[in-house]
Amino acid sequence: MATRALVGWIGDDRKLTSTYNHYDGYPENLGVGLESHYSMPEEARKIASMGYISYLNPETGEIEAKNKEAADVTQLNDDFKEAMYEVAAVADSYGADFIYIYDIENLEWTTTKMYGVRQATESLMNELSALDGGIFRSDDIEENFNTKWKKFLNENTVEKVMSQAFFKLQDEPKEMVDAYKSSLVNDIRLNGKETYADYSVEDFIEDYENYISDKMDM
């Protein structure tokens, strides 16, 4: 039996990019696969942009897709509650049992069970509370320096450089790269992206090599 799900990414432009998942969309399968293999921002955005997923293997991260469809893009309301209602409505149109949205503030996937649009809205508001007052705000507050700096990091620097670095590391042992990614995500959660604002591709590669060297010495 199909367990449908929505896999989504909400960017700083308040646009929801969403993909339909057909089989085994429950947390013990799809949720595990997303956390294990698509935990970095660039990876999360990529899978949310696929359009259609038949099945995601939680052990390997391999995706099966019987159909090719463009991802849905929905411009969300500026108001946080209205925006979460719109996300729930898109999931409802999919016949989704679960909603997976990547939290760009905390760098992690959130999981919401569908019990109807209104109940899902409340759950989404709780799961994605870090976005309230951030990219979603009902007034036209002028951006201060910190807001502009954060937006600059999100859109122009860290994620793109990390993506390029991991592309260059694609021939390294997958389990080593995955372990480094998990370490990097945890460090960013604790200390913020600003720690890596000046990193080049070569810096990330050197950091990876140092991480692996330290692991080998343990």
Protein backbone atom coordinates (compact mmCIF):
# COMPACT_ATOMS: atom_id res chain seq x y z
CA MET A 1 0.00 0.00 0.00
CA ALA A 2 1.29 3.45 -0.90
CA THR A 3 2.26 5.75 1.95
CA ARG A 4 2.42 9.10 0.22
CA ALA A 5 4.46 12.08 1.37
CA LEU A 6 5.50 15.59 0.47
CA VAL A 7 9.22 16.36 0.52
CA GLY A 8 9.77 20.10 0.58
CA TRP A 9 12.22 22.98 0.76
CA ILE A 10 11.27 26.53 1.77
CA GLY A 11 13.84 29.12 0.71
CA ASP A 12 14.45 32.69 1.79
CA ASP A 13 12.16 33.80 -1.04
CA ARG A 14 9.29 32.06 0.81
CA LYS A 15 8.75 29.66 -2.08
CA LEU A 16 7.90 26.05 -1.33
CA THR A 17 9.58 23.60 -3.71
CA SER A 18 7.93 20.23 -3.24
CA THR A 19 8.22 16.67 -4.52
CA TYR A 20 5.67 13.86 -4.34
CA ASN A 21 6.81 10.57 -2.77
CA HIS A 22 4.62 7.53 -3.51
CA TYR A 23 5.75 4.48 -1.51
CA ASP A 24 6.89 3.98 2.10
CA GLY A 25 6.72 7.64 3.07
CA TYR A 26 6.58 6.91 6.78
CA PRO A 27 9.32 8.20 9.15
CA GLU A 28 10.96 4.78 9.63
CA ASN A 29 11.70 4.65 5.90
CA LEU A 30 11.59 7.97 4.05
CA GLY A 31 12.38 9.96 7.20
CA VAL A 32 15.44 7.83 7.92
CA GLY A 33 16.59 8.10 4.31
CA LEU A 34 16.32 11.88 4.30
CA GLU A 35 18.21 12.26 7.57
CA SER A 36 20.89 9.74 6.60
CA HIS A 37 21.59 10.79 3.02
CA TYR A 38 20.11 14.25 2.44
CA SER A 39 20.91 16.16 5.62
CA MET A 40 23.04 18.92 4.07
CA PRO A 41 21.18 21.98 2.71
CA GLU A 42 22.23 21.51 -0.91
CA GLU A 43 21.24 17.83 -0.78
CA ALA A 44 17.89 18.67 0.82
CA ARG A 45 17.12 21.28 -1.82
CA LYS A 46 18.09 18.84 -4.59
CA ILE A 47 15.77 16.04 -3.44
CA ALA A 48 12.91 18.49 -2.85
CA SER A 49 13.34 19.58 -6.47
CA MET A 50 13.06 16.11 -8.02
CA GLY A 51 9.32 16.32 -8.68
CA TYR A 52 8.47 12.62 -8.27
CA ILE A 53 9.87 9.81 -6.13
CA SER A 54 8.54 6.27 -6.23
CA TYR A 55 10.72 5.00 -3.38
CA LEU A 56 13.75 6.12 -1.40
CA ASN A 57 16.00 3.36 -0.07
CA PRO A 58 16.78 4.37 3.55
CA GLU A 59 19.98 2.32 3.66
CA THR A 60 21.63 3.52 0.44
CA GLY A 61 19.81 6.78 -0.31
CA GLU A 62 19.08 5.48 -3.82
CA ILE A 63 15.96 6.93 -5.41
CA GLU A 64 13.54 5.07 -7.67
CA ALA A 65 11.33 7.23 -9.86
CA LYS A 66 8.88 5.64 -12.30
CA ASN A 67 7.63 9.01 -13.51
CA LYS A 68 9.40 12.23 -14.43
CA GLU A 69 7.62 15.33 -13.22
CA ALA A 70 8.66 18.86 -12.46
CA ALA A 71 8.69 19.88 -8.82
CA ASP A 72 5.81 22.05 -7.65
CA VAL A 73 6.73 25.61 -6.72
CA THR A 74 4.31 27.53 -4.51
CA GLN A 75 4.75 31.16 -3.49
CA LEU A 76 3.80 31.21 0.17
CA ASN A 77 2.10 33.99 2.09
CA ASP A 78 4.26 36.41 4.11
CA ASP A 79 2.25 35.52 7.20
CA PHE A 80 3.67 32.42 8.89
CA LYS A 81 0.35 30.77 9.81
CA GLU A 82 -1.10 31.34 6.35
CA ALA A 83 2.08 29.99 4.79
CA MET A 84 1.93 26.80 6.85
CA TYR A 85 -1.72 26.39 5.87
CA GLU A 86 -0.67 26.62 2.22
CA VAL A 87 2.02 23.96 2.74
CA ALA A 88 -0.56 21.67 4.34
CA ALA A 89 -2.95 22.31 1.45
CA VAL A 90 -0.31 21.26 -1.09
CA ALA A 91 0.34 18.09 0.92
CA ASP A 92 -3.38 17.42 1.03
CA SER A 93 -3.56 17.70 -2.77
CA TYR A 94 -0.88 14.97 -2.92
CA GLY A 95 -2.94 12.72 -0.67
CA ALA A 96 0.10 12.78 1.61
CA ASP A 97 0.24 10.91 4.89
CA PHE A 98 3.40 12.76 5.98
CA ILE A 99 5.05 16.11 5.30
CA TYR A 100 8.83 16.48 5.35
CA ILE A 101 10.16 20.05 5.25
CA TYR A 102 13.82 20.96 5.62
CA ASP A 103 14.32 23.56 8.36
CA ILE A 104 16.94 25.92 6.91
CA GLU A 105 17.42 27.57 10.30
CA ASN A 106 18.29 24.40 12.24
CA LEU A 107 19.64 22.38 9.28
CA GLU A 108 17.39 19.39 9.82
CA TRP A 109 14.34 17.66 8.41
CA THR A 110 11.00 18.11 10.18
CA THR A 111 8.21 15.54 10.07
CA THR A 112 4.50 16.29 10.22
CA LYS A 113 1.70 13.69 10.19
CA MET A 114 -1.34 14.62 8.10
CA TYR A 115 -4.57 14.58 10.10
CA GLY A 116 -6.30 17.12 7.91
CA VAL A 117 -5.17 20.53 6.69
CA ARG A 118 -5.93 22.52 9.85
CA GLN A 119 -4.30 20.08 12.24
CA ALA A 120 -1.29 19.75 9.93
CA THR A 121 -1.03 23.54 9.87
CA GLU A 122 -0.72 23.65 13.66
CA SER A 123 1.90 20.91 13.61
CA LEU A 124 3.90 22.63 10.87
CA MET A 125 3.85 25.88 12.85
CA ASN A 126 5.36 24.02 15.79
CA GLU A 127 7.94 22.05 13.76
CA LEU A 128 9.07 25.10 11.76
CA SER A 129 8.76 27.72 14.49
CA ALA A 130 12.32 28.92 13.78
CA LEU A 131 11.06 30.37 10.48
CA ASP A 132 8.42 32.50 12.21
CA GLY A 133 9.58 36.11 12.28
CA GLY A 134 12.55 35.17 10.10
CA ILE A 135 11.77 34.62 6.45
CA PHE A 136 8.09 34.94 7.38
CA ARG A 137 7.06 38.28 8.83
CA SER A 138 3.78 40.12 8.54
CA ASP A 139 5.28 43.61 8.62
CA ASP A 140 7.88 45.33 6.46
CA ILE A 141 10.66 45.55 9.03
CA GLU A 142 13.79 46.97 7.43
CA GLU A 143 16.56 44.40 7.22
CA ASN A 144 19.31 45.06 9.71
CA PHE A 145 22.94 44.10 9.19
CA ASN A 146 22.57 40.68 10.84
CA THR A 147 19.58 39.79 8.65
CA LYS A 148 21.37 40.85 5.49
CA TRP A 149 24.51 38.95 6.52
CA LYS A 150 22.50 35.80 7.22
CA LYS A 151 20.71 36.08 3.88
CA PHE A 152 24.06 36.58 2.13
CA LEU A 153 25.46 33.43 3.74
CA ASN A 154 22.40 31.39 2.84
CA GLU A 155 22.17 32.47 -0.78
CA ASN A 156 25.67 33.21 -1.95
CA THR A 157 28.47 31.57 -0.08
CA VAL A 158 28.57 28.70 2.37
CA GLU A 159 26.13 26.27 0.80
CA LYS A 160 27.53 26.69 -2.71
CA VAL A 161 31.13 26.27 -1.55
CA MET A 162 30.23 23.19 0.51
CA SER A 163 28.43 21.70 -2.47
CA GLN A 164 31.47 22.23 -4.68
CA ALA A 165 33.76 20.71 -2.05
CA PHE A 166 31.62 17.58 -1.69
CA PHE A 167 31.53 17.20 -5.45
CA LYS A 168 35.32 17.06 -5.40
CA LEU A 169 35.17 14.51 -2.58
CA GLN A 170 32.81 12.19 -4.45
CA ASP A 171 35.56 9.60 -5.00
CA GLU A 172 36.34 9.39 -1.28
CA PRO A 173 34.83 6.52 0.77
CA LYS A 174 31.13 7.31 1.16
CA GLU A 175 30.99 6.35 4.83
CA MET A 176 33.85 8.77 5.58
CA VAL A 177 32.23 11.64 3.67
CA ASP A 178 28.87 10.96 5.35
CA ALA A 179 30.52 10.98 8.78
CA TYR A 180 32.19 14.31 7.99
CA LYS A 181 28.90 15.76 6.74
CA SER A 182 27.18 14.79 10.00
CA SER A 183 30.00 16.39 11.99
CA LEU A 184 29.77 19.54 9.88
CA VAL A 185 25.99 19.79 10.30
CA ASN A 186 26.30 19.47 14.08
CA ASP A 187 29.03 22.11 14.20
CA ILE A 188 26.91 24.54 12.15
CA ARG A 189 23.94 23.91 14.43
CA LEU A 190 26.06 24.76 17.48
CA ASN A 191 28.19 27.61 16.13
CA GLY A 192 26.37 28.96 13.05
CA LYS A 193 27.33 29.22 9.40
CA GLU A 194 29.48 32.26 10.13
CA THR A 195 32.22 29.87 11.28
CA TYR A 196 32.64 28.80 7.66
CA ALA A 197 31.94 32.12 5.96
CA ASP A 198 35.53 32.51 4.73
CA TYR A 199 36.07 28.88 3.78
CA SER A 200 37.07 28.08 0.21
CA VAL A 201 36.56 24.71 -1.48
CA GLU A 202 40.17 23.85 -0.61
CA ASP A 203 39.56 24.78 3.04
CA PHE A 204 36.64 22.34 3.27
CA ILE A 205 38.71 19.61 1.64
CA GLU A 206 41.57 20.25 4.09
CA ASP A 207 39.08 20.23 6.96
CA TYR A 208 37.77 16.86 5.72
CA GLU A 209 41.29 15.44 5.54
CA ASN A 210 42.05 16.66 9.06
CA TYR A 211 38.79 15.15 10.31
CA ILE A 212 39.62 11.77 8.78
CA SER A 213 43.19 11.93 10.10
CA ASP A 214 41.91 12.60 13.61
CA LYS A 215 39.48 9.68 13.30
CA MET A 216 42.30 7.37 12.23
CA ASP A 217 44.41 8.40 15.23
CA MET A 218 41.67 7.57 17.71
